[in-house]
PDB file of N, CA and C in Angstrom:
ATOM      1  N   MET A   1       0.829  -1.186   0.000  1.00  0.00           N
ATOM      2  CA  MET A   1       0.000   0.000   0.000  1.00  0.00           C
ATOM      3  C   MET A   1       0.872   1.247   0.000  1.00  0.00           C
ATOM      4  N   TRP A   2       0.286   2.358  -0.444  1.00  0.00           N
ATOM      5  CA  TRP A   2       1.069   3.569  -0.661  1.00  0.00           C
ATOM      6  C   TRP A   2       1.645   4.139   0.624  1.00  0.00           C
ATOM      7  N   TYR A   3       0.947   3.971   1.759  1.00  0.00           N
ATOM      8  CA  TYR A   3       1.441   4.580   2.992  1.00  0.00           C
ATOM      9  C   TYR A   3       2.566   3.770   3.621  1.00  0.00           C
ATOM     10  N   LYS A   4       2.728   2.508   3.228  1.00  0.00           N
ATOM     11  CA  LYS A   4       3.836   1.708   3.779  1.00  0.00           C
ATOM     12  C   LYS A   4       5.180   2.201   3.251  1.00  0.00           C
ATOM     13  N   ASP A   5       5.171   2.732   2.021  1.00  0.00           N
ATOM     14  CA  ASP A   5       6.416   3.250   1.451  1.00  0.00           C
ATOM     15  C   ASP A   5       6.877   4.510   2.175  1.00  0.00           C
ATOM     16  N   ARG A   6       5.943   5.311   2.634  1.00  0.00           N
ATOM     17  CA  ARG A   6       6.291   6.585   3.267  1.00  0.00           C
ATOM     18  C   ARG A   6       6.313   6.496   4.790  1.00  0.00           C
ATOM     19  N   GLY A   7       5.751   5.469   5.345  1.00  0.00           N
ATOM     20  CA  GLY A   7       5.778   5.297   6.786  1.00  0.00           C
ATOM     21  C   GLY A   7       4.450   5.629   7.442  1.00  0.00           C
ATOM     22  N   TRP A   8       4.285   5.108   8.647  1.00  0.00           N
ATOM     23  CA  TRP A   8       3.036   5.293   9.384  1.00  0.00           C
ATOM     24  C   TRP A   8       2.835   6.733   9.829  1.00  0.00           C
ATOM     25  N   ASP A   9       3.904   7.427  10.068  1.00  0.00           N
ATOM     26  CA  ASP A   9       3.772   8.828  10.481  1.00  0.00           C
ATOM     27  C   ASP A   9       3.097   9.664   9.390  1.00  0.00           C
ATOM     28  N   TYR A  10       3.467   9.395   8.139  1.00  0.00           N
ATOM     29  CA  TYR A  10       2.842  10.105   7.028  1.00  0.00           C
ATOM     30  C   TYR A  10       1.358   9.762   6.948  1.00  0.00           C
ATOM     31  N   PHE A  11       1.038   8.483   7.155  1.00  0.00           N
ATOM     32  CA  PHE A  11      -0.362   8.043   7.113  1.00  0.00           C
ATOM     33  C   PHE A  11      -1.183   8.723   8.210  1.00  0.00           C
ATOM     34  N   ILE A  12      -0.631   8.811   9.405  1.00  0.00           N
ATOM     35  CA  ILE A  12      -1.326   9.459  10.521  1.00  0.00           C
ATOM     36  C   ILE A  12      -1.534  10.946  10.215  1.00  0.00           C
ATOM     37  N   LYS A  13      -0.538  11.608   9.640  1.00  0.00           N
ATOM     38  CA  LYS A  13      -0.682  13.020   9.270  1.00  0.00           C
ATOM     39  C   LYS A  13      -1.747  13.195   8.186  1.00  0.00           C
ATOM     40  N   TYR A  14      -1.803  12.255   7.259  1.00  0.00           N
ATOM     41  CA  TYR A  14      -2.793  12.300   6.181  1.00  0.00           C
ATOM     42  C   TYR A  14      -4.207  12.173   6.746  1.00  0.00           C
ATOM     43  N   ILE A  15      -4.414  11.221   7.636  1.00  0.00           N
ATOM     44  CA  ILE A  15      -5.723  11.032   8.266  1.00  0.00           C
ATOM     45  C   ILE A  15      -6.081  12.253   9.106  1.00  0.00           C
ATOM     46  N   ARG A  16      -5.123  12.802   9.817  1.00  0.00           N
ATOM     47  CA  ARG A  16      -5.356  13.990  10.640  1.00  0.00           C
ATOM     48  C   ARG A  16      -5.763  15.179   9.754  1.00  0.00           C
ATOM     49  N   ALA A  17      -5.140  15.321   8.589  1.00  0.00           N
ATOM     50  CA  ALA A  17      -5.492  16.413   7.675  1.00  0.00           C
ATOM     51  C   ALA A  17      -6.920  16.247   7.164  1.00  0.00           C
ATOM     52  N   ILE A  18      -7.325  15.029   6.871  1.00  0.00           N
ATOM     53  CA  ILE A  18      -8.701  14.779   6.433  1.00  0.00           C
ATOM     54  C   ILE A  18      -9.681  15.111   7.557  1.00  0.00           C
ATOM     55  N   GLN A  19      -9.351  14.730   8.788  1.00  0.00           N
ATOM     56  CA  GLN A  19     -10.213  15.048   9.929  1.00  0.00           C
ATOM     57  C   GLN A  19     -10.348  16.560  10.102  1.00  0.00           C
ATOM     58  N   VAL A  20      -9.264  17.274   9.996  1.00  0.00           N
ATOM     59  CA  VAL A  20      -9.294  18.733  10.139  1.00  0.00           C
ATOM     60  C   VAL A  20     -10.137  19.353   9.022  1.00  0.00           C
ATOM     61  N   ALA A  21     -10.017  18.829   7.806  1.00  0.00           N
ATOM     62  CA  ALA A  21     -10.806  19.352   6.691  1.00  0.00           C
ATOM     63  C   ALA A  21     -12.298  19.140   6.940  1.00  0.00           C
ATOM     64  N   PHE A  22     -12.683  17.957   7.407  1.00  0.00           N
ATOM     65  CA  PHE A  22     -14.096  17.702   7.697  1.00  0.00           C
ATOM     66  C   PHE A  22     -14.608  18.589   8.827  1.00  0.00           C
ATOM     67  N   ILE A  23     -13.811  18.759   9.855  1.00  0.00           N
ATOM     68  CA  ILE A  23     -14.219  19.624  10.963  1.00  0.00           C
ATOM     69  C   ILE A  23     -14.386  21.059  10.470  1.00  0.00           C
ATOM     70  N   ALA A  24     -13.478  21.519   9.620  1.00  0.00           N
ATOM     71  CA  ALA A  24     -13.584  22.879   9.081  1.00  0.00           C
ATOM     72  C   ALA A  24     -14.837  23.030   8.224  1.00  0.00           C
ATOM     73  N   LEU A  25     -15.146  22.029   7.402  1.00  0.00           N
ATOM     74  CA  LEU A  25     -16.350  22.098   6.574  1.00  0.00           C
ATOM     75  C   LEU A  25     -17.611  22.138   7.426  1.00  0.00           C
ATOM     76  N   PHE A  26     -17.680  21.297   8.440  1.00  0.00           N
ATOM     77  CA  PHE A  26     -18.853  21.304   9.311  1.00  0.00           C
ATOM     78  C   PHE A  26     -18.954  22.607  10.105  1.00  0.00           C
ATOM     79  N   LEU A  27     -17.823  23.168  10.484  1.00  0.00           N
ATOM     80  CA  LEU A  27     -17.831  24.447  11.182  1.00  0.00           C
ATOM     81  C   LEU A  27     -18.350  25.558  10.267  1.00  0.00           C
ATOM     82  N   LEU A  28     -17.905  25.572   9.016  1.00  0.00           N
ATOM     83  CA  LEU A  28     -18.405  26.562   8.061  1.00  0.00           C
ATOM     84  C   LEU A  28     -19.899  26.389   7.819  1.00  0.00           C
ATOM     85  N   LEU A  29     -20.344  25.147   7.697  1.00  0.00           N
ATOM     86  CA  LEU A  29     -21.769  24.884   7.510  1.00  0.00           C
ATOM     87  C   LEU A  29     -22.566  25.362   8.720  1.00  0.00           C
ATOM     88  N   PHE A  30     -22.090  25.074   9.913  1.00  0.00           N
ATOM     89  CA  PHE A  30     -22.765  25.506  11.133  1.00  0.00           C
ATOM     90  C   PHE A  30     -22.827  27.030  11.212  1.00  0.00           C
ATOM     91  N   LEU A  31     -21.727  27.704  10.890  1.00  0.00           N
ATOM     92  CA  LEU A  31     -21.712  29.169  10.947  1.00  0.00           C
ATOM     93  C   LEU A  31     -22.674  29.775   9.930  1.00  0.00           C
ATOM     94  N   ARG A  32     -22.745  29.193   8.739  1.00  0.00           N
ATOM     95  CA  ARG A  32     -23.677  29.706   7.725  1.00  0.00           C
ATOM     96  C   ARG A  32     -25.122  29.495   8.166  1.00  0.00           C
ATOM     97  N   LEU A  33     -25.429  28.325   8.715  1.00  0.00           N
ATOM     98  CA  LEU A  33     -26.781  28.078   9.216  1.00  0.00           C
ATOM     99  C   LEU A  33     -27.118  29.020  10.371  1.00  0.00           C
ATOM    100  N   PHE A  34     -26.158  29.288  11.235  1.00  0.00           N
ATOM    101  CA  PHE A  34     -26.365  30.227  12.331  1.00  0.00           C
ATOM    102  C   PHE A  34     -26.676  31.618  11.785  1.00  0.00           C
ATOM    103  N   GLN A  35     -25.936  32.033  10.761  1.00  0.00           N
ATOM    104  CA  GLN A  35     -26.168  33.353  10.172  1.00  0.00           C
ATOM    105  C   GLN A  35     -27.565  33.437   9.567  1.00  0.00           C
ATOM    106  N   VAL A  36     -27.970  32.410   8.829  1.00  0.00           N
ATOM    107  CA  VAL A  36     -29.273  32.443   8.161  1.00  0.00           C
ATOM    108  C   VAL A  36     -30.411  32.342   9.168  1.00  0.00           C
ATOM    109  N   GLN A  37     -30.298  31.445  10.139  1.00  0.00           N
ATOM    110  CA  GLN A  37     -31.392  31.195  11.069  1.00  0.00           C
ATOM    111  C   GLN A  37     -31.482  32.248  12.173  1.00  0.00           C
ATOM    112  N   ILE A  38     -30.372  32.613  12.758  1.00  0.00           N
ATOM    113  CA  ILE A  38     -30.382  33.482  13.942  1.00  0.00           C
ATOM    114  C   ILE A  38     -30.176  34.951  13.559  1.00  0.00           C
ATOM    115  N   LEU A  39     -29.111  35.245  12.859  1.00  0.00           N
ATOM    116  CA  LEU A  39     -28.784  36.639  12.589  1.00  0.00           C
ATOM    117  C   LEU A  39     -29.708  37.270  11.553  1.00  0.00           C
ATOM    118  N   LYS A  40     -30.080  36.523  10.509  1.00  0.00           N
ATOM    119  CA  LYS A  40     -30.939  37.083   9.461  1.00  0.00           C
ATOM    120  C   LYS A  40     -32.325  36.459   9.473  1.00  0.00           C
ATOM    121  N   GLY A  41     -32.684  35.808  10.546  1.00  0.00           N
ATOM    122  CA  GLY A  41     -33.982  35.143  10.619  1.00  0.00           C
ATOM    123  C   GLY A  41     -35.147  36.094  10.481  1.00  0.00           C
ATOM    124  N   PHE A  42     -35.061  37.260  11.103  1.00  0.00           N
ATOM    125  CA  PHE A  42     -36.150  38.236  11.037  1.00  0.00           C
ATOM    126  C   PHE A  42     -36.337  38.746   9.610  1.00  0.00           C
ATOM    127  N   THR A  43     -35.240  38.975   8.902  1.00  0.00           N
ATOM    128  CA  THR A  43     -35.319  39.447   7.514  1.00  0.00           C
ATOM    129  C   THR A  43     -36.018  38.424   6.640  1.00  0.00           C
ATOM    130  N   PHE A  44     -35.630  37.158   6.769  1.00  0.00           N
ATOM    131  CA  PHE A  44     -36.259  36.110   5.966  1.00  0.00           C
ATOM    132  C   PHE A  44     -37.706  35.899   6.381  1.00  0.00           C
ATOM    133  N   SER A  45     -38.002  36.113   7.651  1.00  0.00           N
ATOM    134  CA  SER A  45     -39.385  35.999   8.113  1.00  0.00           C
ATOM    135  C   SER A  45     -40.254  37.069   7.467  1.00  0.00           C
ATOM    136  N   GLU A  46     -39.753  38.297   7.391  1.00  0.00           N
ATOM    137  CA  GLU A  46     -40.502  39.378   6.736  1.00  0.00           C
ATOM    138  C   GLU A  46     -40.686  39.100   5.247  1.00  0.00           C
ATOM    139  N   ARG A  47     -39.638  38.630   4.589  1.00  0.00           N
ATOM    140  CA  ARG A  47     -39.749  38.314   3.163  1.00  0.00           C
ATOM    141  C   ARG A  47     -40.751  37.192   2.938  1.00  0.00           C
ATOM    142  N   SER A  48     -40.765  36.231   3.823  1.00  0.00           N
ATOM    143  CA  SER A  48     -41.720  35.131   3.713  1.00  0.00           C
ATOM    144  C   SER A  48     -43.141  35.635   3.900  1.00  0.00           C
ATOM    145  N   ARG A  49     -43.336  36.502   4.861  1.00  0.00           N
ATOM    146  CA  ARG A  49     -44.667  37.050   5.121  1.00  0.00           C
ATOM    147  C   ARG A  49     -45.149  37.887   3.932  1.00  0.00           C
ATOM    148  N   ASP A  50     -44.237  38.607   3.276  1.00  0.00           N
ATOM    149  CA  ASP A  50     -44.607  39.407   2.112  1.00  0.00           C
ATOM    150  C   ASP A  50     -45.005  38.540   0.921  1.00  0.00           C
ATOM    151  N   ASN A  51     -44.431  37.352   0.821  1.00  0.00           N
ATOM    152  CA  ASN A  51     -44.732  36.459  -0.296  1.00  0.00           C
ATOM    153  C   ASN A  51     -45.927  35.561  -0.029  1.00  0.00           C
ATOM    154  N   TYR A  52     -46.491  35.639   1.140  1.00  0.00           N
ATOM    155  CA  TYR A  52     -47.588  34.763   1.529  1.00  0.00           C
ATOM    156  C   TYR A  52     -48.882  35.224   0.879  1.00  0.00           C
ATOM    157  N   LEU A  53     -49.629  34.303   0.320  1.00  0.00           N
ATOM    158  CA  LEU A  53     -50.920  34.609  -0.279  1.00  0.00           C
ATOM    159  C   LEU A  53     -51.955  34.607   0.826  1.00  0.00           C
ATOM    160  N   LYS A  54     -52.530  35.756   1.109  1.00  0.00           N
ATOM    161  CA  LYS A  54     -53.412  35.888   2.254  1.00  0.00           C
ATOM    162  C   LYS A  54     -54.862  35.548   1.953  1.00  0.00           C
ATOM    163  N   ARG A  55     -55.313  35.806   0.742  1.00  0.00           N
ATOM    164  CA  ARG A  55     -56.723  35.591   0.458  1.00  0.00           C
ATOM    165  C   ARG A  55     -56.880  35.106  -0.974  1.00  0.00           C
ATOM    166  N   PHE A  56     -57.706  34.113  -1.141  1.00  0.00           N
ATOM    167  CA  PHE A  56     -57.968  33.571  -2.467  1.00  0.00           C
ATOM    168  C   PHE A  56     -59.445  33.235  -2.537  1.00  0.00           C
ATOM    169  N   ILE A  57     -60.215  34.038  -3.251  1.00  0.00           N
ATOM    170  CA  ILE A  57     -61.660  33.855  -3.331  1.00  0.00           C
ATOM    171  C   ILE A  57     -62.009  33.346  -4.727  1.00  0.00           C
ATOM    172  N   VAL A  58     -62.717  32.230  -4.766  1.00  0.00           N
ATOM    173  CA  VAL A  58     -63.209  31.698  -6.030  1.00  0.00           C
ATOM    174  C   VAL A  58     -64.726  31.685  -5.951  1.00  0.00           C
ATOM    175  N   PRO A  59     -65.387  32.580  -6.688  1.00  0.00           N
ATOM    176  CA  PRO A  59     -66.848  32.612  -6.626  1.00  0.00           C
ATOM    177  C   PRO A  59     -67.431  31.360  -7.286  1.00  0.00           C
ATOM    178  N   PRO A  60     -68.556  30.874  -6.765  1.00  0.00           N
ATOM    179  CA  PRO A  60     -69.154  29.666  -7.336  1.00  0.00           C
ATOM    180  C   PRO A  60     -69.814  29.948  -8.680  1.00  0.00           C
ATOM    181  N   ASN A  61     -69.865  28.942  -9.505  1.00  0.00           N
ATOM    182  CA  ASN A  61     -70.528  29.041 -10.798  1.00  0.00           C
ATOM    183  C   ASN A  61     -72.016  28.783 -10.578  1.00  0.00           C
ATOM    184  N   ARG A  62     -72.842  29.804 -10.746  1.00  0.00           N
ATOM    185  CA  ARG A  62     -74.275  29.714 -10.424  1.00  0.00           C
ATOM    186  C   ARG A  62     -75.122  29.165 -11.569  1.00  0.00           C
ATOM    187  N   GLY A  63     -74.659  29.252 -12.773  1.00  0.00           N
ATOM    188  CA  GLY A  63     -75.458  28.760 -13.889  1.00  0.00           C
ATOM    189  C   GLY A  63     -76.260  29.860 -14.555  1.00  0.00           C
ATOM    190  N   ARG A  64     -77.132  29.456 -15.490  1.00  0.00           N
ATOM    191  CA  ARG A  64     -77.915  30.424 -16.256  1.00  0.00           C
ATOM    192  C   ARG A  64     -79.311  30.574 -15.656  1.00  0.00           C
ATOM    193  N   ILE A  65     -79.887  31.736 -15.873  1.00  0.00           N
ATOM    194  CA  ILE A  65     -81.292  31.970 -15.522  1.00  0.00           C
ATOM    195  C   ILE A  65     -82.058  32.043 -16.841  1.00  0.00           C
ATOM    196  N   ILE A  66     -83.017  31.154 -16.978  1.00  0.00           N
ATOM    197  CA  ILE A  66     -83.766  31.043 -18.229  1.00  0.00           C
ATOM    198  C   ILE A  66     -85.210  31.457 -17.976  1.00  0.00           C
ATOM    199  N   SER A  67     -85.741  32.267 -18.885  1.00  0.00           N
ATOM    200  CA  SER A  67     -87.133  32.723 -18.753  1.00  0.00           C
ATOM    201  C   SER A  67     -88.082  31.583 -19.136  1.00  0.00           C
ATOM    202  N   SER A  68     -89.372  31.824 -18.931  1.00  0.00           N
ATOM    203  CA  SER A  68     -90.370  30.782 -19.207  1.00  0.00           C
ATOM    204  C   SER A  68     -90.467  30.439 -20.692  1.00  0.00           C
ATOM    205  N   ASP A  69     -90.057  31.366 -21.553  1.00  0.00           N
ATOM    206  CA  ASP A  69     -90.112  31.057 -22.980  1.00  0.00           C
ATOM    207  C   ASP A  69     -88.795  30.483 -23.507  1.00  0.00           C
ATOM    208  N   GLY A  70     -87.833  30.198 -22.619  1.00  0.00           N
ATOM    209  CA  GLY A  70     -86.599  29.525 -23.015  1.00  0.00           C
ATOM    210  C   GLY A  70     -85.432  30.439 -23.344  1.00  0.00           C
ATOM    211  N   ARG A  71     -85.605  31.745 -23.203  1.00  0.00           N
ATOM    212  CA  ARG A  71     -84.512  32.675 -23.469  1.00  0.00           C
ATOM    213  C   ARG A  71     -83.639  32.827 -22.228  1.00  0.00           C
ATOM    214  N   THR A  72     -82.356  32.995 -22.455  1.00  0.00           N
ATOM    215  CA  THR A  72     -81.426  33.200 -21.349  1.00  0.00           C
ATOM    216  C   THR A  72     -81.525  34.641 -20.880  1.00  0.00           C
ATOM    217  N   VAL A  73     -81.903  34.795 -19.612  1.00  0.00           N
ATOM    218  CA  VAL A  73     -82.025  36.124 -19.028  1.00  0.00           C
ATOM    219  C   VAL A  73     -80.681  36.574 -18.458  1.00  0.00           C
ATOM    220  N   ALA A  74     -80.000  35.672 -17.783  1.00  0.00           N
ATOM    221  CA  ALA A  74     -78.695  35.978 -17.193  1.00  0.00           C
ATOM    222  C   ALA A  74     -77.817  34.739 -17.303  1.00  0.00           C
ATOM    223  N   ALA A  75     -76.558  34.955 -17.579  1.00  0.00           N
ATOM    224  CA  ALA A  75     -75.610  33.842 -17.698  1.00  0.00           C
ATOM    225  C   ALA A  75     -74.361  34.159 -16.888  1.00  0.00           C
ATOM    226  N   THR A  76     -73.680  33.124 -16.498  1.00  0.00           N
ATOM    227  CA  THR A  76     -72.447  33.276 -15.743  1.00  0.00           C
ATOM    228  C   THR A  76     -71.269  33.003 -16.670  1.00  0.00           C
ATOM    229  N   TYR A  77     -70.359  33.940 -16.726  1.00  0.00           N
ATOM    230  CA  TYR A  77     -69.144  33.765 -17.510  1.00  0.00           C
ATOM    231  C   TYR A  77     -67.972  33.710 -16.541  1.00  0.00           C
ATOM    232  N   ILE A  78     -67.094  32.757 -16.763  1.00  0.00           N
ATOM    233  CA  ILE A  78     -65.942  32.591 -15.881  1.00  0.00           C
ATOM    234  C   ILE A  78     -64.926  33.685 -16.184  1.00  0.00           C
ATOM    235  N   SER A  79     -64.515  34.371 -15.147  1.00  0.00           N
ATOM    236  CA  SER A  79     -63.451  35.368 -15.275  1.00  0.00           C
ATOM    237  C   SER A  79     -62.616  35.332 -14.004  1.00  0.00           C
ATOM    238  N   TYR A  80     -61.385  35.734 -14.125  1.00  0.00           N
ATOM    239  CA  TYR A  80     -60.466  35.711 -12.999  1.00  0.00           C
ATOM    240  C   TYR A  80     -59.842  37.084 -12.824  1.00  0.00           C
ATOM    241  N   ASP A  81     -59.643  37.465 -11.586  1.00  0.00           N
ATOM    242  CA  ASP A  81     -58.930  38.694 -11.251  1.00  0.00           C
ATOM    243  C   ASP A  81     -57.614  38.298 -10.606  1.00  0.00           C
ATOM    244  N   LEU A  82     -56.540  38.776 -11.146  1.00  0.00           N
ATOM    245  CA  LEU A  82     -55.227  38.512 -10.593  1.00  0.00           C
ATOM    246  C   LEU A  82     -54.760  39.778  -9.894  1.00  0.00           C
ATOM    247  N   VAL A  83     -54.553  39.677  -8.581  1.00  0.00           N
ATOM    248  CA  VAL A  83     -54.155  40.830  -7.789  1.00  0.00           C
ATOM    249  C   VAL A  83     -52.783  40.549  -7.210  1.00  0.00           C
ATOM    250  N   SER A  84     -51.888  41.489  -7.374  1.00  0.00           N
ATOM    251  CA  SER A  84     -50.543  41.350  -6.845  1.00  0.00           C
ATOM    252  C   SER A  84     -50.237  42.566  -5.990  1.00  0.00           C
ATOM    253  N   GLN A  85     -49.716  42.321  -4.814  1.00  0.00           N
ATOM    254  CA  GLN A  85     -49.320  43.408  -3.936  1.00  0.00           C
ATOM    255  C   GLN A  85     -47.845  43.270  -3.636  1.00  0.00           C
ATOM    256  N   GLY A  86     -47.245  44.359  -3.298  1.00  0.00           N
ATOM    257  CA  GLY A  86     -45.830  44.337  -3.000  1.00  0.00           C
ATOM    258  C   GLY A  86     -45.042  44.945  -4.142  1.00  0.00           C
ATOM    259  N   SER A  87     -43.756  44.946  -3.982  1.00  0.00           N
ATOM    260  CA  SER A  87     -42.911  45.556  -5.004  1.00  0.00           C
ATOM    261  C   SER A  87     -42.628  44.544  -6.101  1.00  0.00           C
ATOM    262  N   LEU A  88     -42.645  45.030  -7.319  1.00  0.00           N
ATOM    263  CA  LEU A  88     -42.336  44.197  -8.470  1.00  0.00           C
ATOM    264  C   LEU A  88     -40.987  44.615  -9.031  1.00  0.00           C
ATOM    265  N   SER A  89     -40.241  43.644  -9.478  1.00  0.00           N
ATOM    266  CA  SER A  89     -38.964  43.983 -10.091  1.00  0.00           C
ATOM    267  C   SER A  89     -39.211  44.588 -11.464  1.00  0.00           C
ATOM    268  N   ALA A  90     -38.205  45.203 -12.010  1.00  0.00           N
ATOM    269  CA  ALA A  90     -38.338  45.874 -13.310  1.00  0.00           C
ATOM    270  C   ALA A  90     -38.677  44.878 -14.407  1.00  0.00           C
ATOM    271  N   LYS A  91     -38.118  43.680 -14.350  1.00  0.00           N
ATOM    272  CA  LYS A  91     -38.397  42.678 -15.374  1.00  0.00           C
ATOM    273  C   LYS A  91     -39.854  42.257 -15.328  1.00  0.00           C
ATOM    274  N   ILE A  92     -40.393  42.052 -14.146  1.00  0.00           N
ATOM    275  CA  ILE A  92     -41.794  41.652 -14.024  1.00  0.00           C
ATOM    276  C   ILE A  92     -42.695  42.777 -14.514  1.00  0.00           C
ATOM    277  N   LYS A  93     -42.372  44.024 -14.173  1.00  0.00           N
ATOM    278  CA  LYS A  93     -43.171  45.158 -14.648  1.00  0.00           C
ATOM    279  C   LYS A  93     -43.178  45.219 -16.172  1.00  0.00           C
ATOM    280  N   ASN A  94     -42.011  45.012 -16.780  1.00  0.00           N
ATOM    281  CA  ASN A  94     -41.940  45.027 -18.242  1.00  0.00           C
ATOM    282  C   ASN A  94     -42.736  43.874 -18.848  1.00  0.00           C
ATOM    283  N   ASP A  95     -42.684  42.694 -18.217  1.00  0.00           N
ATOM    284  CA  ASP A  95     -43.454  41.553 -18.713  1.00  0.00           C
ATOM    285  C   ASP A  95     -44.949  41.824 -18.621  1.00  0.00           C
ATOM    286  N   VAL A  96     -45.389  42.427 -17.520  1.00  0.00           N
ATOM    287  CA  VAL A  96     -46.811  42.738 -17.352  1.00  0.00           C
ATOM    288  C   VAL A  96     -47.245  43.767 -18.389  1.00  0.00           C
ATOM    289  N   ARG A  97     -46.419  44.787 -18.628  1.00  0.00           N
ATOM    290  CA  ARG A  97     -46.747  45.792 -19.648  1.00  0.00           C
ATOM    291  C   ARG A  97     -46.840  45.157 -21.035  1.00  0.00           C
ATOM    292  N   ALA A  98     -45.937  44.212 -21.323  1.00  0.00           N
ATOM    293  CA  ALA A  98     -45.945  43.566 -22.635  1.00  0.00           C
ATOM    294  C   ALA A  98     -47.192  42.704 -22.815  1.00  0.00           C
ATOM    295  N   ILE A  99     -47.639  42.061 -21.754  1.00  0.00           N
ATOM    296  CA  ILE A  99     -48.818  41.194 -21.839  1.00  0.00           C
ATOM    297  C   ILE A  99     -50.091  42.018 -21.947  1.00  0.00           C
ATOM    298  N   THR A 100     -50.196  43.061 -21.128  1.00  0.00           N
ATOM    299  CA  THR A 100     -51.434  43.841 -21.082  1.00  0.00           C
ATOM    300  C   THR A 100     -51.527  44.895 -22.186  1.00  0.00           C
ATOM    301  N   GLY A 101     -50.431  45.212 -22.792  1.00  0.00           N
ATOM    302  CA  GLY A 101     -50.479  46.134 -23.922  1.00  0.00           C
ATOM    303  C   GLY A 101     -50.241  47.528 -23.599  1.00  0.00           C
TER     304      GLY A 101
END
């Protein structure tokens, strides 16, 4: 094996370097999670609350009202209202302008 040529001391140093690398990676991961969860948690909470859909109303389809002679007096046509609140980026504003004319 490759470590027998260089000696056990080299092998122990190699394993120790791998252990230190793993500990450093886990420490970096822990610090990043701490930053996101604890230090910037309120910011992400506000952004989440802003993106939350608070109300979604779908009116029921009532059907047609027909007079006694068979003519349609009133009919229901399906339509949707799309409401967006909050700030829109410039790209989204341009896309909306292009769609709506």
